Amino acid sequence: MVEVKFIVEETSTGFSAYAENLPVYTTGKSITMLQFNIEEAMSLYQEEVGGNHIDIIIENSST
């Protein structure tokens, strides 16, 4: 199992998130939409590169 940590930042139009050590990033107008988009982005990444199950960790950049 692989864990991927996402850093979340608030923007003027909502939120953005990027994986700490993978080329995966996304945005969303709300936290709920951002979480959905993170899961979708990771699914697309996993389809592209294959590999093991990935657990997603979301961390607010202000903490």
PDB file of N, CA and C in Angstrom:
ATOM      1  N   MET A   1       0.851  -1.186   0.000  1.00  0.00           N
ATOM      2  CA  MET A   1       0.000   0.000   0.000  1.00  0.00           C
ATOM      3  C   MET A   1       0.894   1.246   0.000  1.00  0.00           C
ATOM      4  N   VAL A   2       0.508   2.210  -0.790  1.00  0.00           N
ATOM      5  CA  VAL A   2       1.231   3.471  -0.907  1.00  0.00           C
ATOM      6  C   VAL A   2       0.341   4.586  -0.385  1.00  0.00           C
ATOM      7  N   GLU A   3       0.907   5.492   0.404  1.00  0.00           N
ATOM      8  CA  GLU A   3       0.165   6.667   0.876  1.00  0.00           C
ATOM      9  C   GLU A   3       0.653   7.895   0.127  1.00  0.00           C
ATOM     10  N   VAL A   4      -0.295   8.695  -0.326  1.00  0.00           N
ATOM     11  CA  VAL A   4       0.028   9.941  -1.017  1.00  0.00           C
ATOM     12  C   VAL A   4      -0.573  11.084  -0.220  1.00  0.00           C
ATOM     13  N   LYS A   5       0.266  12.030   0.156  1.00  0.00           N
ATOM     14  CA  LYS A   5      -0.156  13.187   0.933  1.00  0.00           C
ATOM     15  C   LYS A   5      -0.432  14.347  -0.022  1.00  0.00           C
ATOM     16  N   PHE A   6      -1.624  14.930   0.107  1.00  0.00           N
ATOM     17  CA  PHE A   6      -1.992  16.104  -0.681  1.00  0.00           C
ATOM     18  C   PHE A   6      -1.949  17.340   0.196  1.00  0.00           C
ATOM     19  N   ILE A   7      -1.350  18.393  -0.317  1.00  0.00           N
ATOM     20  CA  ILE A   7      -1.306  19.693   0.349  1.00  0.00           C
ATOM     21  C   ILE A   7      -2.443  20.526  -0.230  1.00  0.00           C
ATOM     22  N   VAL A   8      -3.284  21.074   0.642  1.00  0.00           N
ATOM     23  CA  VAL A   8      -4.454  21.852   0.222  1.00  0.00           C
ATOM     24  C   VAL A   8      -4.229  23.320   0.547  1.00  0.00           C
ATOM     25  N   GLU A   9      -4.523  24.163  -0.408  1.00  0.00           N
ATOM     26  CA  GLU A   9      -4.399  25.609  -0.226  1.00  0.00           C
ATOM     27  C   GLU A   9      -5.707  26.281  -0.636  1.00  0.00           C
ATOM     28  N   GLU A  10      -6.111  27.281   0.128  1.00  0.00           N
ATOM     29  CA  GLU A  10      -7.289  28.061  -0.234  1.00  0.00           C
ATOM     30  C   GLU A  10      -6.869  29.110  -1.248  1.00  0.00           C
ATOM     31  N   THR A  11      -7.696  29.295  -2.280  1.00  0.00           N
ATOM     32  CA  THR A  11      -7.420  30.284  -3.318  1.00  0.00           C
ATOM     33  C   THR A  11      -8.574  31.280  -3.386  1.00  0.00           C
ATOM     34  N   SER A  12      -8.453  32.266  -4.235  1.00  0.00           N
ATOM     35  CA  SER A  12      -9.530  33.257  -4.371  1.00  0.00           C
ATOM     36  C   SER A  12     -10.775  32.661  -5.020  1.00  0.00           C
ATOM     37  N   THR A  13     -10.633  31.529  -5.691  1.00  0.00           N
ATOM     38  CA  THR A  13     -11.777  30.900  -6.364  1.00  0.00           C
ATOM     39  C   THR A  13     -12.191  29.574  -5.735  1.00  0.00           C
ATOM     40  N   GLY A  14     -11.582  29.194  -4.626  1.00  0.00           N
ATOM     41  CA  GLY A  14     -11.912  27.922  -3.974  1.00  0.00           C
ATOM     42  C   GLY A  14     -10.697  27.308  -3.316  1.00  0.00           C
ATOM     43  N   PHE A  15     -10.305  26.125  -3.813  1.00  0.00           N
ATOM     44  CA  PHE A  15      -9.194  25.394  -3.217  1.00  0.00           C
ATOM     45  C   PHE A  15      -8.354  24.738  -4.307  1.00  0.00           C
ATOM     46  N   SER A  16      -7.075  24.548  -4.009  1.00  0.00           N
ATOM     47  CA  SER A  16      -6.203  23.774  -4.882  1.00  0.00           C
ATOM     48  C   SER A  16      -5.490  22.739  -4.025  1.00  0.00           C
ATOM     49  N   ALA A  17      -5.067  21.659  -4.661  1.00  0.00           N
ATOM     50  CA  ALA A  17      -4.359  20.605  -3.951  1.00  0.00           C
ATOM     51  C   ALA A  17      -3.330  19.983  -4.877  1.00  0.00           C
ATOM     52  N   TYR A  18      -2.197  19.592  -4.296  1.00  0.00           N
ATOM     53  CA  TYR A  18      -1.175  18.911  -5.071  1.00  0.00           C
ATOM     54  C   TYR A  18      -0.569  17.797  -4.234  1.00  0.00           C
ATOM     55  N   ALA A  19      -0.175  16.733  -4.901  1.00  0.00           N
ATOM     56  CA  ALA A  19       0.457  15.607  -4.225  1.00  0.00           C
ATOM     57  C   ALA A  19       1.873  16.014  -3.832  1.00  0.00           C
ATOM     58  N   GLU A  20       2.263  15.611  -2.632  1.00  0.00           N
ATOM     59  CA  GLU A  20       3.577  15.995  -2.118  1.00  0.00           C
ATOM     60  C   GLU A  20       4.716  15.453  -2.988  1.00  0.00           C
ATOM     61  N   ASN A  21       4.584  14.239  -3.516  1.00  0.00           N
ATOM     62  CA  ASN A  21       5.709  13.663  -4.261  1.00  0.00           C
ATOM     63  C   ASN A  21       5.293  12.954  -5.553  1.00  0.00           C
ATOM     64  N   LEU A  22       4.177  13.391  -6.140  1.00  0.00           N
ATOM     65  CA  LEU A  22       3.740  12.877  -7.430  1.00  0.00           C
ATOM     66  C   LEU A  22       3.269  14.041  -8.297  1.00  0.00           C
ATOM     67  N   PRO A  23       3.281  13.884  -9.617  1.00  0.00           N
ATOM     68  CA  PRO A  23       2.825  14.966 -10.501  1.00  0.00           C
ATOM     69  C   PRO A  23       1.300  14.971 -10.631  1.00  0.00           C
ATOM     70  N   VAL A  24       0.612  15.122  -9.497  1.00  0.00           N
ATOM     71  CA  VAL A  24      -0.851  15.106  -9.473  1.00  0.00           C
ATOM     72  C   VAL A  24      -1.328  16.365  -8.752  1.00  0.00           C
ATOM     73  N   TYR A  25      -2.224  17.094  -9.389  1.00  0.00           N
ATOM     74  CA  TYR A  25      -2.777  18.305  -8.779  1.00  0.00           C
ATOM     75  C   TYR A  25      -4.179  18.533  -9.321  1.00  0.00           C
ATOM     76  N   THR A  26      -4.973  19.307  -8.570  1.00  0.00           N
ATOM     77  CA  THR A  26      -6.348  19.579  -8.986  1.00  0.00           C
ATOM     78  C   THR A  26      -6.878  20.780  -8.228  1.00  0.00           C
ATOM     79  N   THR A  27      -8.093  21.215  -8.583  1.00  0.00           N
ATOM     80  CA  THR A  27      -8.751  22.335  -7.909  1.00  0.00           C
ATOM     81  C   THR A  27     -10.214  21.988  -7.665  1.00  0.00           C
ATOM     82  N   GLY A  28     -10.870  22.795  -6.840  1.00  0.00           N
ATOM     83  CA  GLY A  28     -12.299  22.645  -6.594  1.00  0.00           C
ATOM     84  C   GLY A  28     -12.856  23.896  -5.950  1.00  0.00           C
ATOM     85  N   LYS A  29     -14.110  24.196  -6.224  1.00  0.00           N
ATOM     86  CA  LYS A  29     -14.740  25.389  -5.639  1.00  0.00           C
ATOM     87  C   LYS A  29     -15.090  25.198  -4.173  1.00  0.00           C
ATOM     88  N   SER A  30     -15.210  23.943  -3.735  1.00  0.00           N
ATOM     89  CA  SER A  30     -15.483  23.632  -2.328  1.00  0.00           C
ATOM     90  C   SER A  30     -14.584  22.478  -1.905  1.00  0.00           C
ATOM     91  N   ILE A  31     -14.484  22.255  -0.600  1.00  0.00           N
ATOM     92  CA  ILE A  31     -13.688  21.132  -0.101  1.00  0.00           C
ATOM     93  C   ILE A  31     -14.270  19.807  -0.599  1.00  0.00           C
ATOM     94  N   THR A  32     -15.590  19.709  -0.613  1.00  0.00           N
ATOM     95  CA  THR A  32     -16.235  18.488  -1.088  1.00  0.00           C
ATOM     96  C   THR A  32     -15.868  18.215  -2.543  1.00  0.00           C
ATOM     97  N   MET A  33     -15.946  19.241  -3.385  1.00  0.00           N
ATOM     98  CA  MET A  33     -15.588  19.078  -4.797  1.00  0.00           C
ATOM     99  C   MET A  33     -14.096  18.787  -4.944  1.00  0.00           C
ATOM    100  N   LEU A  34     -13.276  19.423  -4.123  1.00  0.00           N
ATOM    101  CA  LEU A  34     -11.836  19.180  -4.168  1.00  0.00           C
ATOM    102  C   LEU A  34     -11.529  17.727  -3.835  1.00  0.00           C
ATOM    103  N   GLN A  35     -12.159  17.182  -2.806  1.00  0.00           N
ATOM    104  CA  GLN A  35     -11.935  15.783  -2.433  1.00  0.00           C
ATOM    105  C   GLN A  35     -12.324  14.846  -3.575  1.00  0.00           C
ATOM    106  N   PHE A  36     -13.461  15.120  -4.203  1.00  0.00           N
ATOM    107  CA  PHE A  36     -13.890  14.323  -5.357  1.00  0.00           C
ATOM    108  C   PHE A  36     -12.850  14.411  -6.471  1.00  0.00           C
ATOM    109  N   ASN A  37     -12.368  15.619  -6.754  1.00  0.00           N
ATOM    110  CA  ASN A  37     -11.402  15.825  -7.829  1.00  0.00           C
ATOM    111  C   ASN A  37     -10.057  15.169  -7.516  1.00  0.00           C
ATOM    112  N   ILE A  38      -9.661  15.161  -6.243  1.00  0.00           N
ATOM    113  CA  ILE A  38      -8.422  14.481  -5.849  1.00  0.00           C
ATOM    114  C   ILE A  38      -8.535  12.989  -6.132  1.00  0.00           C
ATOM    115  N   GLU A  39      -9.650  12.397  -5.739  1.00  0.00           N
ATOM    116  CA  GLU A  39      -9.852  10.968  -5.987  1.00  0.00           C
ATOM    117  C   GLU A  39      -9.851  10.663  -7.482  1.00  0.00           C
ATOM    118  N   GLU A  40     -10.483  11.525  -8.265  1.00  0.00           N
ATOM    119  CA  GLU A  40     -10.518  11.334  -9.716  1.00  0.00           C
ATOM    120  C   GLU A  40      -9.114  11.483 -10.319  1.00  0.00           C
ATOM    121  N   ALA A  41      -8.374  12.497  -9.876  1.00  0.00           N
ATOM    122  CA  ALA A  41      -7.018  12.711 -10.390  1.00  0.00           C
ATOM    123  C   ALA A  41      -6.113  11.532 -10.046  1.00  0.00           C
ATOM    124  N   MET A  42      -6.242  10.999  -8.842  1.00  0.00           N
ATOM    125  CA  MET A  42      -5.424   9.854  -8.447  1.00  0.00           C
ATOM    126  C   MET A  42      -5.824   8.613  -9.233  1.00  0.00           C
ATOM    127  N   SER A  43      -7.103   8.454  -9.503  1.00  0.00           N
ATOM    128  CA  SER A  43      -7.567   7.321 -10.302  1.00  0.00           C
ATOM    129  C   SER A  43      -6.970   7.386 -11.708  1.00  0.00           C
ATOM    130  N   LEU A  44      -6.984   8.568 -12.296  1.00  0.00           N
ATOM    131  CA  LEU A  44      -6.409   8.742 -13.636  1.00  0.00           C
ATOM    132  C   LEU A  44      -4.903   8.494 -13.610  1.00  0.00           C
ATOM    133  N   TYR A  45      -4.235   8.975 -12.583  1.00  0.00           N
ATOM    134  CA  TYR A  45      -2.794   8.747 -12.448  1.00  0.00           C
ATOM    135  C   TYR A  45      -2.501   7.260 -12.332  1.00  0.00           C
ATOM    136  N   GLN A  46      -3.276   6.569 -11.513  1.00  0.00           N
ATOM    137  CA  GLN A  46      -3.076   5.137 -11.310  1.00  0.00           C
ATOM    138  C   GLN A  46      -3.323   4.356 -12.600  1.00  0.00           C
ATOM    139  N   GLU A  47      -4.328   4.754 -13.375  1.00  0.00           N
ATOM    140  CA  GLU A  47      -4.579   4.122 -14.672  1.00  0.00           C
ATOM    141  C   GLU A  47      -3.369   4.278 -15.588  1.00  0.00           C
ATOM    142  N   GLU A  48      -2.756   5.442 -15.533  1.00  0.00           N
ATOM    143  CA  GLU A  48      -1.622   5.745 -16.411  1.00  0.00           C
ATOM    144  C   GLU A  48      -0.373   4.952 -16.030  1.00  0.00           C
ATOM    145  N   VAL A  49      -0.071   4.873 -14.740  1.00  0.00           N
ATOM    146  CA  VAL A  49       1.187   4.259 -14.310  1.00  0.00           C
ATOM    147  C   VAL A  49       1.024   2.862 -13.728  1.00  0.00           C
ATOM    148  N   GLY A  50      -0.216   2.452 -13.438  1.00  0.00           N
ATOM    149  CA  GLY A  50      -0.435   1.150 -12.801  1.00  0.00           C
ATOM    150  C   GLY A  50       0.008   1.199 -11.351  1.00  0.00           C
ATOM    151  N   GLY A  51       0.194   0.058 -10.749  1.00  0.00           N
ATOM    152  CA  GLY A  51       0.720   0.027  -9.397  1.00  0.00           C
ATOM    153  C   GLY A  51      -0.281  -0.423  -8.366  1.00  0.00           C
ATOM    154  N   ASN A  52       0.127  -0.300  -7.117  1.00  0.00           N
ATOM    155  CA  ASN A  52      -0.640  -0.767  -5.964  1.00  0.00           C
ATOM    156  C   ASN A  52      -1.754   0.202  -5.586  1.00  0.00           C
ATOM    157  N   HIS A  53      -2.574  -0.260  -4.644  1.00  0.00           N
ATOM    158  CA  HIS A  53      -3.616   0.599  -4.072  1.00  0.00           C
ATOM    159  C   HIS A  53      -2.957   1.814  -3.422  1.00  0.00           C
ATOM    160  N   ILE A  54      -3.551   2.978  -3.588  1.00  0.00           N
ATOM    161  CA  ILE A  54      -3.003   4.216  -3.033  1.00  0.00           C
ATOM    162  C   ILE A  54      -3.983   4.794  -2.039  1.00  0.00           C
ATOM    163  N   ASP A  55      -3.529   5.042  -0.806  1.00  0.00           N
ATOM    164  CA  ASP A  55      -4.320   5.750   0.191  1.00  0.00           C
ATOM    165  C   ASP A  55      -4.017   7.234   0.081  1.00  0.00           C
ATOM    166  N   ILE A  56      -5.053   8.050   0.169  1.00  0.00           N
ATOM    167  CA  ILE A  56      -4.916   9.497   0.024  1.00  0.00           C
ATOM    168  C   ILE A  56      -4.973  10.150   1.392  1.00  0.00           C
ATOM    169  N   ILE A  57      -3.999  11.014   1.679  1.00  0.00           N
ATOM    170  CA  ILE A  57      -3.952  11.803   2.911  1.00  0.00           C
ATOM    171  C   ILE A  57      -4.060  13.265   2.505  1.00  0.00           C
ATOM    172  N   ILE A  58      -5.015  13.978   3.089  1.00  0.00           N
ATOM    173  CA  ILE A  58      -5.211  15.393   2.749  1.00  0.00           C
ATOM    174  C   ILE A  58      -4.801  16.232   3.947  1.00  0.00           C
ATOM    175  N   GLU A  59      -3.924  17.209   3.697  1.00  0.00           N
ATOM    176  CA  GLU A  59      -3.427  18.079   4.750  1.00  0.00           C
ATOM    177  C   GLU A  59      -3.590  19.524   4.349  1.00  0.00           C
ATOM    178  N   ASN A  60      -4.140  20.319   5.261  1.00  0.00           N
ATOM    179  CA  ASN A  60      -4.301  21.752   5.024  1.00  0.00           C
ATOM    180  C   ASN A  60      -2.941  22.409   5.123  1.00  0.00           C
ATOM    181  N   SER A  61      -2.586  23.274   4.191  1.00  0.00           N
ATOM    182  CA  SER A  61      -1.257  23.907   4.177  1.00  0.00           C
ATOM    183  C   SER A  61      -1.047  24.871   5.330  1.00  0.00           C
ATOM    184  N   SER A  62      -2.119  25.298   5.991  1.00  0.00           N
ATOM    185  CA  SER A  62      -1.965  26.244   7.092  1.00  0.00           C
ATOM    186  C   SER A  62      -1.665  25.544   8.415  1.00  0.00           C
ATOM    187  N   THR A  63      -1.658  24.201   8.424  1.00  0.00           N
ATOM    188  CA  THR A  63      -1.337  23.475   9.673  1.00  0.00           C
ATOM    189  C   THR A  63       0.104  23.106   9.729  1.00  0.00           C
TER     190      THR A  63
END
